[in-house]
Amino acid sequence: MLSEGQILLDQLLLPVKDSKGQDVTPADIRHRQVSQVNDAVGTVQRHKERCDELSDVRRLKLKQLLQLRSCEQDVDQVSSHVLYVQ
């Protein structure tokens, strides 16, 4: 979406020319369109960054849970070994 937004911005910035080759692009419409696309791209970018942050937090939580489970398995193994030796 971000790359498509950039392509759209590039296209919006191209001048519209009449049959004589003169630029007939209304400046206020172009400015408004570019502003709208910039806002949309910014919103998508912020949303992507937030999703990336949440993904990182989730990944860390899963890593911690895996470490905890591994520790619990170690404790179980030691406990069963101690009981077996006694």
PDB file of N, CA and C in Angstrom:
ATOM      1  N   MET A   1       0.827  -1.194   0.000  1.00  0.00           N
ATOM      2  CA  MET A   1       0.000   0.000   0.000  1.00  0.00           C
ATOM      3  C   MET A   1       0.867   1.251   0.000  1.00  0.00           C
ATOM      4  N   LEU A   2       1.956   1.206   0.769  1.00  0.00           N
ATOM      5  CA  LEU A   2       2.821   2.385   0.829  1.00  0.00           C
ATOM      6  C   LEU A   2       3.450   2.681  -0.532  1.00  0.00           C
ATOM      7  N   SER A   3       3.896   1.634  -1.218  1.00  0.00           N
ATOM      8  CA  SER A   3       4.508   1.861  -2.530  1.00  0.00           C
ATOM      9  C   SER A   3       3.456   2.326  -3.537  1.00  0.00           C
ATOM     10  N   GLU A   4       2.245   1.789  -3.431  1.00  0.00           N
ATOM     11  CA  GLU A   4       1.177   2.238  -4.326  1.00  0.00           C
ATOM     12  C   GLU A   4       0.811   3.692  -4.049  1.00  0.00           C
ATOM     13  N   GLY A   5       0.830   4.077  -2.782  1.00  0.00           N
ATOM     14  CA  GLY A   5       0.573   5.473  -2.425  1.00  0.00           C
ATOM     15  C   GLY A   5       1.631   6.392  -3.004  1.00  0.00           C
ATOM     16  N   GLN A   6       2.881   5.941  -2.968  1.00  0.00           N
ATOM     17  CA  GLN A   6       3.961   6.755  -3.534  1.00  0.00           C
ATOM     18  C   GLN A   6       3.811   6.876  -5.050  1.00  0.00           C
ATOM     19  N   ILE A   7       3.421   5.783  -5.705  1.00  0.00           N
ATOM     20  CA  ILE A   7       3.193   5.823  -7.157  1.00  0.00           C
ATOM     21  C   ILE A   7       2.072   6.811  -7.480  1.00  0.00           C
ATOM     22  N   LEU A   8       1.000   6.754  -6.688  1.00  0.00           N
ATOM     23  CA  LEU A   8      -0.112   7.684  -6.894  1.00  0.00           C
ATOM     24  C   LEU A   8       0.341   9.126  -6.698  1.00  0.00           C
ATOM     25  N   LEU A   9       1.138   9.369  -5.676  1.00  0.00           N
ATOM     26  CA  LEU A   9       1.657  10.724  -5.461  1.00  0.00           C
ATOM     27  C   LEU A   9       2.480  11.188  -6.648  1.00  0.00           C
ATOM     28  N   ASP A  10       3.332  10.305  -7.147  1.00  0.00           N
ATOM     29  CA  ASP A  10       4.154  10.658  -8.315  1.00  0.00           C
ATOM     30  C   ASP A  10       3.277  11.009  -9.511  1.00  0.00           C
ATOM     31  N   GLN A  11       2.202  10.240  -9.699  1.00  0.00           N
ATOM     32  CA  GLN A  11       1.310  10.499 -10.824  1.00  0.00           C
ATOM     33  C   GLN A  11       0.532  11.799 -10.631  1.00  0.00           C
ATOM     34  N   LEU A  12       0.149  12.083  -9.403  1.00  0.00           N
ATOM     35  CA  LEU A  12      -0.579  13.327  -9.138  1.00  0.00           C
ATOM     36  C   LEU A  12       0.294  14.559  -9.378  1.00  0.00           C
ATOM     37  N   LEU A  13       1.585  14.388  -9.204  1.00  0.00           N
ATOM     38  CA  LEU A  13       2.487  15.520  -9.377  1.00  0.00           C
ATOM     39  C   LEU A  13       2.832  15.774 -10.843  1.00  0.00           C
ATOM     40  N   LEU A  14       2.469  14.839 -11.724  1.00  0.00           N
ATOM     41  CA  LEU A  14       2.704  15.057 -13.149  1.00  0.00           C
ATOM     42  C   LEU A  14       1.718  16.106 -13.657  1.00  0.00           C
ATOM     43  N   PRO A  15       2.177  17.015 -14.490  1.00  0.00           N
ATOM     44  CA  PRO A  15       1.262  18.048 -14.992  1.00  0.00           C
ATOM     45  C   PRO A  15       0.266  17.465 -16.003  1.00  0.00           C
ATOM     46  N   VAL A  16      -0.935  18.028 -15.992  1.00  0.00           N
ATOM     47  CA  VAL A  16      -1.941  17.698 -16.996  1.00  0.00           C
ATOM     48  C   VAL A  16      -1.822  18.750 -18.084  1.00  0.00           C
ATOM     49  N   LYS A  17      -1.639  18.286 -19.313  1.00  0.00           N
ATOM     50  CA  LYS A  17      -1.419  19.233 -20.413  1.00  0.00           C
ATOM     51  C   LYS A  17      -2.544  19.143 -21.423  1.00  0.00           C
ATOM     52  N   ASP A  18      -2.846  20.277 -22.019  1.00  0.00           N
ATOM     53  CA  ASP A  18      -3.854  20.297 -23.062  1.00  0.00           C
ATOM     54  C   ASP A  18      -3.222  19.901 -24.391  1.00  0.00           C
ATOM     55  N   SER A  19      -4.020  19.978 -25.447  1.00  0.00           N
ATOM     56  CA  SER A  19      -3.531  19.553 -26.760  1.00  0.00           C
ATOM     57  C   SER A  19      -2.386  20.421 -27.274  1.00  0.00           C
ATOM     58  N   LYS A  20      -2.213  21.615 -26.715  1.00  0.00           N
ATOM     59  CA  LYS A  20      -1.123  22.508 -27.116  1.00  0.00           C
ATOM     60  C   LYS A  20       0.127  22.283 -26.276  1.00  0.00           C
ATOM     61  N   GLY A  21       0.008  21.383 -25.259  1.00  0.00           N
ATOM     62  CA  GLY A  21       1.156  21.104 -24.410  1.00  0.00           C
ATOM     63  C   GLY A  21       1.276  22.035 -23.221  1.00  0.00           C
ATOM     64  N   GLN A  22       0.253  22.843 -22.984  1.00  0.00           N
ATOM     65  CA  GLN A  22       0.292  23.777 -21.860  1.00  0.00           C
ATOM     66  C   GLN A  22      -0.282  23.105 -20.614  1.00  0.00           C
ATOM     67  N   ASP A  23       0.340  23.405 -19.495  1.00  0.00           N
ATOM     68  CA  ASP A  23      -0.105  22.843 -18.215  1.00  0.00           C
ATOM     69  C   ASP A  23      -1.459  23.443 -17.844  1.00  0.00           C
ATOM     70  N   VAL A  24      -2.442  22.567 -17.663  1.00  0.00           N
ATOM     71  CA  VAL A  24      -3.785  23.028 -17.292  1.00  0.00           C
ATOM     72  C   VAL A  24      -4.235  22.418 -15.965  1.00  0.00           C
ATOM     73  N   THR A  25      -3.295  21.930 -15.197  1.00  0.00           N
ATOM     74  CA  THR A  25      -3.623  21.299 -13.925  1.00  0.00           C
ATOM     75  C   THR A  25      -4.019  22.361 -12.912  1.00  0.00           C
ATOM     76  N   PRO A  26      -5.237  22.274 -12.369  1.00  0.00           N
ATOM     77  CA  PRO A  26      -5.630  23.233 -11.334  1.00  0.00           C
ATOM     78  C   PRO A  26      -4.802  23.003 -10.062  1.00  0.00           C
ATOM     79  N   ALA A  27      -4.131  24.028  -9.620  1.00  0.00           N
ATOM     80  CA  ALA A  27      -3.221  23.899  -8.479  1.00  0.00           C
ATOM     81  C   ALA A  27      -3.955  23.521  -7.199  1.00  0.00           C
ATOM     82  N   ASP A  28      -5.135  24.067  -6.972  1.00  0.00           N
ATOM     83  CA  ASP A  28      -5.831  23.773  -5.716  1.00  0.00           C
ATOM     84  C   ASP A  28      -6.296  22.316  -5.663  1.00  0.00           C
ATOM     85  N   ILE A  29      -6.720  21.763  -6.788  1.00  0.00           N
ATOM     86  CA  ILE A  29      -7.143  20.361  -6.815  1.00  0.00           C
ATOM     87  C   ILE A  29      -5.939  19.452  -6.606  1.00  0.00           C
ATOM     88  N   ARG A  30      -4.843  19.748  -7.285  1.00  0.00           N
ATOM     89  CA  ARG A  30      -3.633  18.940  -7.140  1.00  0.00           C
ATOM     90  C   ARG A  30      -3.165  18.965  -5.691  1.00  0.00           C
ATOM     91  N   HIS A  31      -3.142  20.141  -5.093  1.00  0.00           N
ATOM     92  CA  HIS A  31      -2.686  20.268  -3.708  1.00  0.00           C
ATOM     93  C   HIS A  31      -3.579  19.459  -2.774  1.00  0.00           C
ATOM     94  N   ARG A  32      -4.895  19.532  -2.977  1.00  0.00           N
ATOM     95  CA  ARG A  32      -5.831  18.802  -2.134  1.00  0.00           C
ATOM     96  C   ARG A  32      -5.661  17.284  -2.317  1.00  0.00           C
ATOM     97  N   GLN A  33      -5.490  16.837  -3.548  1.00  0.00           N
ATOM     98  CA  GLN A  33      -5.313  15.411  -3.811  1.00  0.00           C
ATOM     99  C   GLN A  33      -4.018  14.895  -3.194  1.00  0.00           C
ATOM    100  N   VAL A  34      -2.956  15.635  -3.373  1.00  0.00           N
ATOM    101  CA  VAL A  34      -1.661  15.242  -2.808  1.00  0.00           C
ATOM    102  C   VAL A  34      -1.760  15.199  -1.290  1.00  0.00           C
ATOM    103  N   SER A  35      -2.439  16.165  -0.715  1.00  0.00           N
ATOM    104  CA  SER A  35      -2.608  16.196   0.730  1.00  0.00           C
ATOM    105  C   SER A  35      -3.398  14.981   1.221  1.00  0.00           C
ATOM    106  N   GLN A  36      -4.460  14.626   0.510  1.00  0.00           N
ATOM    107  CA  GLN A  36      -5.265  13.467   0.900  1.00  0.00           C
ATOM    108  C   GLN A  36      -4.462  12.175   0.813  1.00  0.00           C
ATOM    109  N   VAL A  37      -3.698  12.031  -0.257  1.00  0.00           N
ATOM    110  CA  VAL A  37      -2.885  10.819  -0.415  1.00  0.00           C
ATOM    111  C   VAL A  37      -1.795  10.785   0.653  1.00  0.00           C
ATOM    112  N   ASN A  38      -1.174  11.926   0.917  1.00  0.00           N
ATOM    113  CA  ASN A  38      -0.152  11.984   1.970  1.00  0.00           C
ATOM    114  C   ASN A  38      -0.743  11.600   3.325  1.00  0.00           C
ATOM    115  N   ASP A  39      -1.936  12.098   3.611  1.00  0.00           N
ATOM    116  CA  ASP A  39      -2.594  11.748   4.875  1.00  0.00           C
ATOM    117  C   ASP A  39      -2.871  10.251   4.951  1.00  0.00           C
ATOM    118  N   ALA A  40      -3.380   9.686   3.859  1.00  0.00           N
ATOM    119  CA  ALA A  40      -3.684   8.248   3.836  1.00  0.00           C
ATOM    120  C   ALA A  40      -2.417   7.418   3.992  1.00  0.00           C
ATOM    121  N   VAL A  41      -1.367   7.804   3.296  1.00  0.00           N
ATOM    122  CA  VAL A  41      -0.100   7.075   3.401  1.00  0.00           C
ATOM    123  C   VAL A  41       0.458   7.195   4.815  1.00  0.00           C
ATOM    124  N   GLY A  42       0.354   8.375   5.404  1.00  0.00           N
ATOM    125  CA  GLY A  42       0.817   8.564   6.781  1.00  0.00           C
ATOM    126  C   GLY A  42       0.042   7.703   7.765  1.00  0.00           C
ATOM    127  N   THR A  43      -1.259   7.615   7.564  1.00  0.00           N
ATOM    128  CA  THR A  43      -2.092   6.780   8.427  1.00  0.00           C
ATOM    129  C   THR A  43      -1.693   5.315   8.296  1.00  0.00           C
ATOM    130  N   VAL A  44      -1.499   4.862   7.081  1.00  0.00           N
ATOM    131  CA  VAL A  44      -1.088   3.471   6.853  1.00  0.00           C
ATOM    132  C   VAL A  44       0.287   3.214   7.477  1.00  0.00           C
ATOM    133  N   GLN A  45       1.191   4.170   7.323  1.00  0.00           N
ATOM    134  CA  GLN A  45       2.535   4.022   7.886  1.00  0.00           C
ATOM    135  C   GLN A  45       2.478   3.916   9.409  1.00  0.00           C
ATOM    136  N   ARG A  46       1.680   4.764  10.050  1.00  0.00           N
ATOM    137  CA  ARG A  46       1.547   4.712  11.506  1.00  0.00           C
ATOM    138  C   ARG A  46       0.915   3.388  11.946  1.00  0.00           C
ATOM    139  N   HIS A  47      -0.077   2.939  11.193  1.00  0.00           N
ATOM    140  CA  HIS A  47      -0.728   1.668  11.513  1.00  0.00           C
ATOM    141  C   HIS A  47       0.266   0.509  11.378  1.00  0.00           C
ATOM    142  N   LYS A  48       1.070   0.541  10.334  1.00  0.00           N
ATOM    143  CA  LYS A  48       2.089  -0.501  10.125  1.00  0.00           C
ATOM    144  C   LYS A  48       3.102  -0.496  11.265  1.00  0.00           C
ATOM    145  N   GLU A  49       3.547   0.684  11.667  1.00  0.00           N
ATOM    146  CA  GLU A  49       4.514   0.781  12.763  1.00  0.00           C
ATOM    147  C   GLU A  49       3.916   0.239  14.062  1.00  0.00           C
ATOM    148  N   ARG A  50       2.645   0.547  14.309  1.00  0.00           N
ATOM    149  CA  ARG A  50       1.978   0.044  15.517  1.00  0.00           C
ATOM    150  C   ARG A  50       1.850  -1.475  15.469  1.00  0.00           C
ATOM    151  N   CYS A  51       1.494  -2.003  14.319  1.00  0.00           N
ATOM    152  CA  CYS A  51       1.409  -3.462  14.157  1.00  0.00           C
ATOM    153  C   CYS A  51       2.775  -4.110  14.362  1.00  0.00           C
ATOM    154  N   ASP A  52       3.823  -3.479  13.846  1.00  0.00           N
ATOM    155  CA  ASP A  52       5.177  -4.001  14.045  1.00  0.00           C
ATOM    156  C   ASP A  52       5.546  -4.012  15.524  1.00  0.00           C
ATOM    157  N   GLU A  53       5.180  -2.936  16.237  1.00  0.00           N
ATOM    158  CA  GLU A  53       5.459  -2.872  17.672  1.00  0.00           C
ATOM    159  C   GLU A  53       4.712  -3.974  18.415  1.00  0.00           C
ATOM    160  N   LEU A  54       3.430  -4.145  18.098  1.00  0.00           N
ATOM    161  CA  LEU A  54       2.640  -5.186  18.747  1.00  0.00           C
ATOM    162  C   LEU A  54       3.181  -6.572  18.426  1.00  0.00           C
ATOM    163  N   SER A  55       3.637  -6.738  17.221  1.00  0.00           N
ATOM    164  CA  SER A  55       4.227  -8.014  16.823  1.00  0.00           C
ATOM    165  C   SER A  55       5.506  -8.295  17.616  1.00  0.00           C
ATOM    166  N   ASP A  56       6.319  -7.269  17.799  1.00  0.00           N
ATOM    167  CA  ASP A  56       7.543  -7.432  18.586  1.00  0.00           C
ATOM    168  C   ASP A  56       7.229  -7.795  20.035  1.00  0.00           C
ATOM    169  N   VAL A  57       6.219  -7.133  20.603  1.00  0.00           N
ATOM    170  CA  VAL A  57       5.821  -7.430  21.985  1.00  0.00           C
ATOM    171  C   VAL A  57       5.312  -8.862  22.080  1.00  0.00           C
ATOM    172  N   ARG A  58       4.503  -9.263  21.110  1.00  0.00           N
ATOM    173  CA  ARG A  58       3.961 -10.627  21.104  1.00  0.00           C
ATOM    174  C   ARG A  58       5.083 -11.654  20.969  1.00  0.00           C
ATOM    175  N   ARG A  59       6.043 -11.371  20.100  1.00  0.00           N
ATOM    176  CA  ARG A  59       7.185 -12.271  19.913  1.00  0.00           C
ATOM    177  C   ARG A  59       7.977 -12.410  21.210  1.00  0.00           C
ATOM    178  N   LEU A  60       8.194 -11.291  21.910  1.00  0.00           N
ATOM    179  CA  LEU A  60       8.919 -11.314  23.180  1.00  0.00           C
ATOM    180  C   LEU A  60       8.146 -12.122  24.218  1.00  0.00           C
ATOM    181  N   LYS A  61       6.835 -11.931  24.281  1.00  0.00           N
ATOM    182  CA  LYS A  61       6.018 -12.667  25.234  1.00  0.00           C
ATOM    183  C   LYS A  61       6.090 -14.171  24.961  1.00  0.00           C
ATOM    184  N   LEU A  62       6.001 -14.553  23.708  1.00  0.00           N
ATOM    185  CA  LEU A  62       6.092 -15.969  23.356  1.00  0.00           C
ATOM    186  C   LEU A  62       7.469 -16.542  23.711  1.00  0.00           C
ATOM    187  N   LYS A  63       8.504 -15.743  23.494  1.00  0.00           N
ATOM    188  CA  LYS A  63       9.861 -16.185  23.851  1.00  0.00           C
ATOM    189  C   LYS A  63       9.964 -16.393  25.365  1.00  0.00           C
ATOM    190  N   GLN A  64       9.396 -15.472  26.118  1.00  0.00           N
ATOM    191  CA  GLN A  64       9.425 -15.599  27.577  1.00  0.00           C
ATOM    192  C   GLN A  64       8.636 -16.817  28.041  1.00  0.00           C
ATOM    193  N   LEU A  65       7.484 -17.076  27.414  1.00  0.00           N
ATOM    194  CA  LEU A  65       6.694 -18.248  27.768  1.00  0.00           C
ATOM    195  C   LEU A  65       7.454 -19.539  27.455  1.00  0.00           C
ATOM    196  N   LEU A  66       8.150 -19.551  26.345  1.00  0.00           N
ATOM    197  CA  LEU A  66       8.957 -20.714  25.986  1.00  0.00           C
ATOM    198  C   LEU A  66      10.079 -20.927  27.005  1.00  0.00           C
ATOM    199  N   GLN A  67      10.729 -19.843  27.427  1.00  0.00           N
ATOM    200  CA  GLN A  67      11.776 -19.948  28.435  1.00  0.00           C
ATOM    201  C   GLN A  67      11.208 -20.450  29.763  1.00  0.00           C
ATOM    202  N   LEU A  68      10.043 -19.947  30.127  1.00  0.00           N
ATOM    203  CA  LEU A  68       9.397 -20.386  31.359  1.00  0.00           C
ATOM    204  C   LEU A  68       9.067 -21.872  31.283  1.00  0.00           C
ATOM    205  N   ARG A  69       8.517 -22.307  30.172  1.00  0.00           N
ATOM    206  CA  ARG A  69       8.176 -23.726  30.013  1.00  0.00           C
ATOM    207  C   ARG A  69       9.428 -24.595  30.076  1.00  0.00           C
ATOM    208  N   SER A  70      10.493 -24.144  29.470  1.00  0.00           N
ATOM    209  CA  SER A  70      11.758 -24.883  29.509  1.00  0.00           C
ATOM    210  C   SER A  70      12.274 -24.991  30.943  1.00  0.00           C
ATOM    211  N   CYS A  71      12.149 -23.898  31.687  1.00  0.00           N
ATOM    212  CA  CYS A  71      12.568 -23.893  33.090  1.00  0.00           C
ATOM    213  C   CYS A  71      11.712 -24.866  33.903  1.00  0.00           C
ATOM    214  N   GLU A  72      10.407 -24.858  33.648  1.00  0.00           N
ATOM    215  CA  GLU A  72       9.518 -25.780  34.351  1.00  0.00           C
ATOM    216  C   GLU A  72       9.880 -27.237  34.053  1.00  0.00           C
ATOM    217  N   GLN A  73      10.214 -27.514  32.815  1.00  0.00           N
ATOM    218  CA  GLN A  73      10.614 -28.877  32.439  1.00  0.00           C
ATOM    219  C   GLN A  73      11.916 -29.271  33.140  1.00  0.00           C
ATOM    220  N   ASP A  74      12.837 -28.325  33.248  1.00  0.00           N
ATOM    221  CA  ASP A  74      14.088 -28.596  33.966  1.00  0.00           C
ATOM    222  C   ASP A  74      13.815 -28.912  35.435  1.00  0.00           C
ATOM    223  N   VAL A  75      12.921 -28.139  36.046  1.00  0.00           N
ATOM    224  CA  VAL A  75      12.569 -28.363  37.446  1.00  0.00           C
ATOM    225  C   VAL A  75      11.913 -29.735  37.605  1.00  0.00           C
ATOM    226  N   ASP A  76      11.018 -30.076  36.722  1.00  0.00           N
ATOM    227  CA  ASP A  76      10.372 -31.400  36.763  1.00  0.00           C
ATOM    228  C   ASP A  76      11.400 -32.513  36.635  1.00  0.00           C
ATOM    229  N   GLN A  77      12.336 -32.315  35.733  1.00  0.00           N
ATOM    230  CA  GLN A  77      13.360 -33.339  35.517  1.00  0.00           C
ATOM    231  C   GLN A  77      14.233 -33.495  36.762  1.00  0.00           C
ATOM    232  N   VAL A  78      14.633 -32.389  37.363  1.00  0.00           N
ATOM    233  CA  VAL A  78      15.457 -32.443  38.569  1.00  0.00           C
ATOM    234  C   VAL A  78      14.657 -33.066  39.714  1.00  0.00           C
ATOM    235  N   SER A  79      13.392 -32.676  39.824  1.00  0.00           N
ATOM    236  CA  SER A  79      12.542 -33.218  40.895  1.00  0.00           C
ATOM    237  C   SER A  79      12.393 -34.722  40.764  1.00  0.00           C
ATOM    238  N   SER A  80      12.142 -35.199  39.586  1.00  0.00           N
ATOM    239  CA  SER A  80      11.979 -36.635  39.399  1.00  0.00           C
ATOM    240  C   SER A  80      13.298 -37.369  39.620  1.00  0.00           C
ATOM    241  N   HIS A  81      14.405 -36.746  39.268  1.00  0.00           N
ATOM    242  CA  HIS A  81      15.710 -37.358  39.485  1.00  0.00           C
ATOM    243  C   HIS A  81      16.029 -37.450  40.983  1.00  0.00           C
ATOM    244  N   VAL A  82      15.711 -36.381  41.719  1.00  0.00           N
ATOM    245  CA  VAL A  82      15.946 -36.349  43.170  1.00  0.00           C
ATOM    246  C   VAL A  82      15.094 -37.404  43.850  1.00  0.00           C
ATOM    247  N   LEU A  83      13.832 -37.528  43.470  1.00  0.00           N
ATOM    248  CA  LEU A  83      12.960 -38.529  44.051  1.00  0.00           C
ATOM    249  C   LEU A  83      13.450 -39.951  43.726  1.00  0.00           C
ATOM    250  N   TYR A  84      13.968 -40.158  42.540  1.00  0.00           N
ATOM    251  CA  TYR A  84      14.463 -41.453  42.128  1.00  0.00           C
ATOM    252  C   TYR A  84      15.712 -41.846  42.922  1.00  0.00           C
ATOM    253  N   VAL A  85      16.588 -40.866  43.190  1.00  0.00           N
ATOM    254  CA  VAL A  85      17.834 -41.122  43.895  1.00  0.00           C
ATOM    255  C   VAL A  85      17.551 -41.424  45.369  1.00  0.00           C
ATOM    256  N   GLN A  86      16.550 -40.820  45.961  1.00  0.00           N
ATOM    257  CA  GLN A  86      16.274 -41.017  47.379  1.00  0.00           C
ATOM    258  C   GLN A  86      15.713 -42.384  47.541  1.00  0.00           C
TER     259      GLN A  86
END
